[in-house]
Structure formats: C-alpha cells, structure tokens
Amino acid sequence: MRIKGSWQDAMLYEADAGGAGGGSDAGDAAPFDKLRGDPAVKTPTVEELQAQLADKDKSLKLANAEAKQRREKLEAIEAADAKRKEAELTETQKAAARADKAEADLQALQERHRKSAIYAAIRLAAKDANFADPEDAVLLAELTGVEVGDDDRVAGADAAVKALAKAKPHLIKAAARPGAPNINAAEGGQPRALTGAELVEQRRSTDNIYVPF
C-alpha cells in the first residue's frame, strides 16, 4: 500500500500500524521504511526547517511585543491614575492647611482682643483704687479670675485690683496732708482788708516810722 502525503503523515501511519499489529513480524511493522523511498513523501530540508523555526520565532517575538505594549499601556494608565489621586490629595491637604491657618489666626486675634480688654479694665480699676502707677496693677495683678464675657464685658478686674492693693499697699498713693489755713484769707479765698490797727502795726514793724495813735 502506497501512502501519499507529507513525512509527518507517514510517521503517524507508522505509529498506528505498529500499535495495531502488536506482535506482528518486522515486515508488517515497518511501512515507514517503504515510504522513505517513495517520491510522493516530501522530506523537509534543513532550510525549510530553519524557515519554519524563524516563522515561529517571529510570531513569538510579535506576541511578546504586543504583550509588552499592553503592559506598558496598563502601567501608564495606573501611573496617571496614581498621579491624579496624589494631586487631589495634595489639593485637599493644601485646603486643610489653609483652614488650619485661618482658624489659628482667628484664635490669635480673639486672644489679643481678650487681653486688651482685660488690661484696660485693670488699668481703670487701678486708677479708681488710687494706684501710683496703674501699669503696676497690669503687671502684678492675678488675672486668673478675670474673664471677658460674650458681651465683651470684663468681670473680675475690680476684685483682682483690690487683692493686689491689699497684698502690696505700697503701690497706692500716699494721702496728701492738709495745708495750714491762711488766716488772711477771707471767705471765698480772697485776702481781706486790714483794719486800721493792723495797718499801723504793719508800718511800724516794717518802716520803723512812728505813727501816733
């Protein structure tokens, strides 16, 4: 029997024949030997095999290149997404930082206003308490209990100044001593007119002139 086809078909036929015959003799189990000399069976040359390998290698390289391109596109998409998320996070952080700074500035302004109101109230209370220098009260008074209400009114300034005056009485002005009365001053503060006897006595004592009575 002659088998036409490629050398691969001949190999398959040989394998099938050998498996089917099992224990048959060598003459029946070697049809491939007969096909080798058959001009209808084409045995590939070395060049053809190399060409086939080259085609497979080319296809493999093309598949690898396509896979690389897909991988690079995916990496680019992931990188762009990560960059976008980072930018969004950065803007959020910037906004949060601006909000924190505004809150800190507001608190600092409120604290300056509170201290200014308290110091003004302490100065006024120290002036009313006759302090020699009201600034001493600002520096030395215990301000723990002095607070500014929601209506901007200061509470506790008078108590703080009184406590300081009691603890440090030397900060209070000394009371002025009353002056000697002016015997020559009439009611209303104007000097009164001298009597005749007072006028004669004055001239005698100053000019040493005899004045008859």
Protein backbone atom coordinates (compact mmCIF):
# COMPACT_ATOMS: atom_id res chain seq x y z
CA MET A 1 0.00 0.00 0.00
CA ARG A 2 1.35 3.43 -1.00
CA ILE A 3 0.67 6.39 1.28
CA LYS A 4 0.77 9.80 -0.26
CA GLY A 5 1.35 12.86 1.83
CA SER A 6 3.98 14.51 3.97
CA TRP A 7 6.56 12.82 6.07
CA GLN A 8 4.54 13.69 9.20
CA ASP A 9 1.62 11.63 7.83
CA ALA A 10 3.98 8.76 7.24
CA MET A 11 5.19 8.90 10.84
CA LEU A 12 1.62 8.88 12.11
CA TYR A 13 0.81 5.92 9.88
CA GLU A 14 3.85 4.04 11.11
CA ALA A 15 2.87 4.63 14.73
CA ASP A 16 -0.67 3.47 14.11
CA ALA A 17 0.47 0.41 12.26
CA GLY A 18 2.91 -0.59 14.95
CA GLY A 19 0.33 -0.17 17.68
CA ALA A 20 -2.33 -2.10 15.84
CA GLY A 21 -0.08 -5.02 14.84
CA GLY A 22 1.25 -5.52 18.33
CA GLY A 23 3.09 -8.82 17.93
CA SER A 24 3.26 -8.84 14.07
CA ASP A 25 6.56 -9.54 12.34
CA ALA A 26 9.07 -6.87 11.22
CA GLY A 27 7.83 -6.89 7.61
CA ASP A 28 4.33 -5.72 8.59
CA ALA A 29 5.54 -3.24 11.29
CA ALA A 30 7.80 -1.09 9.12
CA PRO A 31 5.74 0.60 6.42
CA PHE A 32 7.61 3.85 7.08
CA ASP A 33 10.76 2.24 5.73
CA LYS A 34 8.95 1.68 2.47
CA LEU A 35 7.72 5.29 2.41
CA ARG A 36 11.20 6.72 2.68
CA GLY A 37 11.96 5.83 -0.85
CA ASP A 38 8.53 6.95 -2.09
CA PRO A 39 8.84 10.12 -4.17
CA ALA A 40 5.32 11.16 -3.08
CA VAL A 41 6.52 11.73 0.53
CA LYS A 42 8.38 15.05 0.81
CA THR A 43 11.07 15.23 3.46
CA PRO A 44 11.70 18.85 4.61
CA THR A 45 15.12 20.21 4.02
CA VAL A 46 17.27 21.93 6.62
CA GLU A 47 16.45 25.30 5.09
CA GLU A 48 12.72 24.64 5.33
CA LEU A 49 13.02 23.61 8.96
CA GLN A 50 15.03 26.75 9.71
CA ALA A 51 12.40 28.84 7.93
CA GLN A 52 9.66 27.25 10.00
CA LEU A 53 11.64 27.95 13.19
CA ALA A 54 12.22 31.51 12.03
CA ASP A 55 8.48 31.99 11.45
CA LYS A 56 7.69 30.63 14.88
CA ASP A 57 10.36 32.84 16.42
CA LYS A 58 8.95 35.85 14.57
CA SER A 59 5.44 35.06 15.76
CA LEU A 60 6.68 34.66 19.31
CA LYS A 61 8.51 37.97 19.17
CA LEU A 62 5.42 39.66 17.77
CA ALA A 63 3.27 38.21 20.56
CA ASN A 64 5.82 39.34 23.16
CA ALA A 65 5.91 42.83 21.64
CA GLU A 66 2.12 43.08 21.74
CA ALA A 67 2.09 41.88 25.34
CA LYS A 68 4.75 44.45 26.22
CA GLN A 69 2.72 47.22 24.61
CA ARG A 70 -0.38 46.20 26.55
CA ARG A 71 1.62 46.05 29.76
CA GLU A 72 3.14 49.49 29.15
CA LYS A 73 -0.29 50.97 28.41
CA LEU A 74 -1.65 49.47 31.60
CA GLU A 75 1.29 50.81 33.60
CA ALA A 76 0.80 54.26 32.04
CA ILE A 77 -2.88 54.23 32.97
CA GLU A 78 -2.08 53.16 36.52
CA ALA A 79 0.63 55.83 36.82
CA ALA A 80 -1.71 58.54 35.54
CA ASP A 81 -4.41 57.44 37.98
CA ALA A 82 -1.95 57.45 40.87
CA LYS A 83 -0.72 60.91 39.88
CA ARG A 84 -4.28 62.20 39.70
CA LYS A 85 -5.08 60.80 43.13
CA GLU A 86 -1.88 62.31 44.51
CA ALA A 87 -2.79 65.72 43.05
CA GLU A 88 -6.28 65.50 44.53
CA LEU A 89 -4.80 64.55 47.90
CA THR A 90 -2.32 67.42 47.69
CA GLU A 91 -5.08 69.93 46.99
CA THR A 92 -7.07 68.53 49.90
CA GLN A 93 -4.06 68.85 52.16
CA LYS A 94 -3.48 72.43 50.97
CA ALA A 95 -7.10 73.32 51.66
CA ALA A 96 -6.86 71.74 55.11
CA ALA A 97 -3.65 73.70 55.83
CA ARG A 98 -5.32 76.95 54.78
CA ALA A 99 -8.29 76.21 57.01
CA ASP A 100 -6.00 75.42 59.96
CA LYS A 101 -4.07 78.68 59.44
CA ALA A 102 -7.27 80.72 59.26
CA GLU A 103 -8.50 79.10 62.48
CA ALA A 104 -5.18 79.81 64.21
CA ASP A 105 -5.21 83.45 63.04
CA LEU A 106 -8.76 83.87 64.34
CA GLN A 107 -7.87 82.41 67.72
CA ALA A 108 -4.80 84.66 67.96
CA LEU A 109 -6.92 87.72 67.14
CA GLN A 110 -9.50 86.74 69.75
CA GLU A 111 -6.76 86.24 72.34
CA ARG A 112 -5.28 89.68 71.62
CA HIS A 113 -8.72 91.25 71.95
CA ARG A 114 -9.33 89.41 75.23
CA LYS A 115 -6.03 90.55 76.74
CA SER A 116 -6.52 94.12 75.56
CA ALA A 117 -9.96 94.28 77.18
CA ILE A 118 -8.67 92.79 80.44
CA TYR A 119 -5.67 95.15 80.63
CA ALA A 120 -7.89 98.17 80.00
CA ALA A 121 -10.27 97.09 82.78
CA ILE A 122 -7.35 96.54 85.19
CA ARG A 123 -5.92 99.99 84.44
CA LEU A 124 -9.27 101.63 85.07
CA ALA A 125 -9.79 99.72 88.32
CA ALA A 126 -6.23 100.59 89.47
CA LYS A 127 -6.81 104.27 88.74
CA ASP A 128 -10.01 104.20 90.77
CA ALA A 129 -8.12 102.43 93.58
CA ASN A 130 -5.57 105.30 93.61
CA PHE A 131 -2.59 103.27 92.39
CA ALA A 132 0.53 105.36 91.88
CA ASP A 133 1.06 103.66 88.52
CA PRO A 134 -1.84 101.66 87.03
CA GLU A 135 0.65 99.68 84.94
CA ASP A 136 1.86 98.07 88.16
CA ALA A 137 -1.57 96.52 88.50
CA VAL A 138 -1.41 95.18 84.94
CA LEU A 139 1.94 93.55 85.63
CA LEU A 140 1.34 92.28 89.17
CA ALA A 141 -2.37 91.53 89.49
CA GLU A 142 -3.54 87.93 89.43
CA LEU A 143 -5.61 87.71 86.25
CA THR A 144 -6.73 84.09 86.54
CA GLY A 145 -10.22 85.05 87.62
CA VAL A 146 -10.59 87.91 85.13
CA GLU A 147 -12.65 86.92 82.12
CA VAL A 148 -14.27 88.54 79.09
CA GLY A 149 -17.91 87.60 78.50
CA ASP A 150 -19.71 87.10 75.22
CA ASP A 151 -20.89 90.71 75.50
CA ASP A 152 -17.22 91.86 75.73
CA ARG A 153 -17.70 92.93 79.35
CA VAL A 154 -14.80 92.20 81.70
CA ALA A 155 -15.61 90.54 85.02
CA GLY A 156 -13.27 90.21 87.98
CA ALA A 157 -10.99 93.20 87.33
CA ASP A 158 -12.04 95.12 90.47
CA ALA A 159 -11.54 92.07 92.69
CA ALA A 160 -8.09 91.44 91.24
CA VAL A 161 -7.01 95.05 91.82
CA LYS A 162 -8.36 95.11 95.38
CA ALA A 163 -6.48 91.90 96.17
CA LEU A 164 -3.28 93.42 94.81
CA ALA A 165 -3.77 96.65 96.78
CA LYS A 166 -4.21 94.59 99.94
CA ALA A 167 -1.12 92.47 99.26
CA LYS A 168 1.08 95.41 98.17
CA PRO A 169 -0.22 98.60 99.81
CA HIS A 170 2.94 100.50 98.88
CA LEU A 171 1.61 100.67 95.32
CA ILE A 172 -1.15 103.03 96.49
CA LYS A 173 -0.55 106.78 96.52
CA ALA A 174 0.08 108.30 99.95
CA ALA A 175 -2.75 110.52 101.22
CA ALA A 176 -1.99 114.25 100.87
CA ARG A 177 -1.56 116.16 104.17
CA PRO A 178 -3.92 119.13 104.64
CA GLY A 179 -2.14 122.54 104.46
CA ALA A 180 -2.17 125.22 107.22
CA PRO A 181 -5.13 127.60 106.97
CA ASN A 182 -4.48 131.12 105.65
CA ILE A 183 -5.57 133.50 108.35
CA ASN A 184 -5.54 136.35 105.89
CA ALA A 185 -7.83 134.58 103.53
CA ALA A 186 -11.41 135.64 103.63
CA GLU A 187 -14.32 133.51 102.66
CA GLY A 188 -14.04 132.69 99.03
CA GLY A 189 -10.23 132.61 99.07
CA GLN A 190 -9.68 136.36 98.57
CA PRO A 191 -7.44 138.28 101.09
CA ARG A 192 -9.46 140.50 103.48
CA ALA A 193 -8.76 144.22 104.01
CA LEU A 194 -6.54 145.15 107.01
CA THR A 195 -8.02 147.10 109.86
CA GLY A 196 -6.56 150.44 110.92
CA ALA A 197 -4.72 148.99 113.90
CA GLU A 198 -3.27 146.17 111.73
CA LEU A 199 -2.13 148.69 109.15
CA VAL A 200 -0.35 150.88 111.80
CA GLU A 201 1.33 147.82 113.30
CA GLN A 202 2.47 146.70 109.89
CA ARG A 203 4.03 150.12 109.11
CA ARG A 204 5.78 150.29 112.46
CA SER A 205 7.30 146.86 112.06
CA THR A 206 8.50 147.39 108.51
CA ASP A 207 9.41 151.08 108.14
CA ASN A 208 10.25 151.89 111.78
CA ILE A 209 8.09 155.01 111.49
CA TYR A 210 6.27 156.45 114.44
CA VAL A 211 2.63 156.56 113.91
CA PRO A 212 0.59 158.31 116.64
CA PHE A 213 -2.49 156.61 117.97
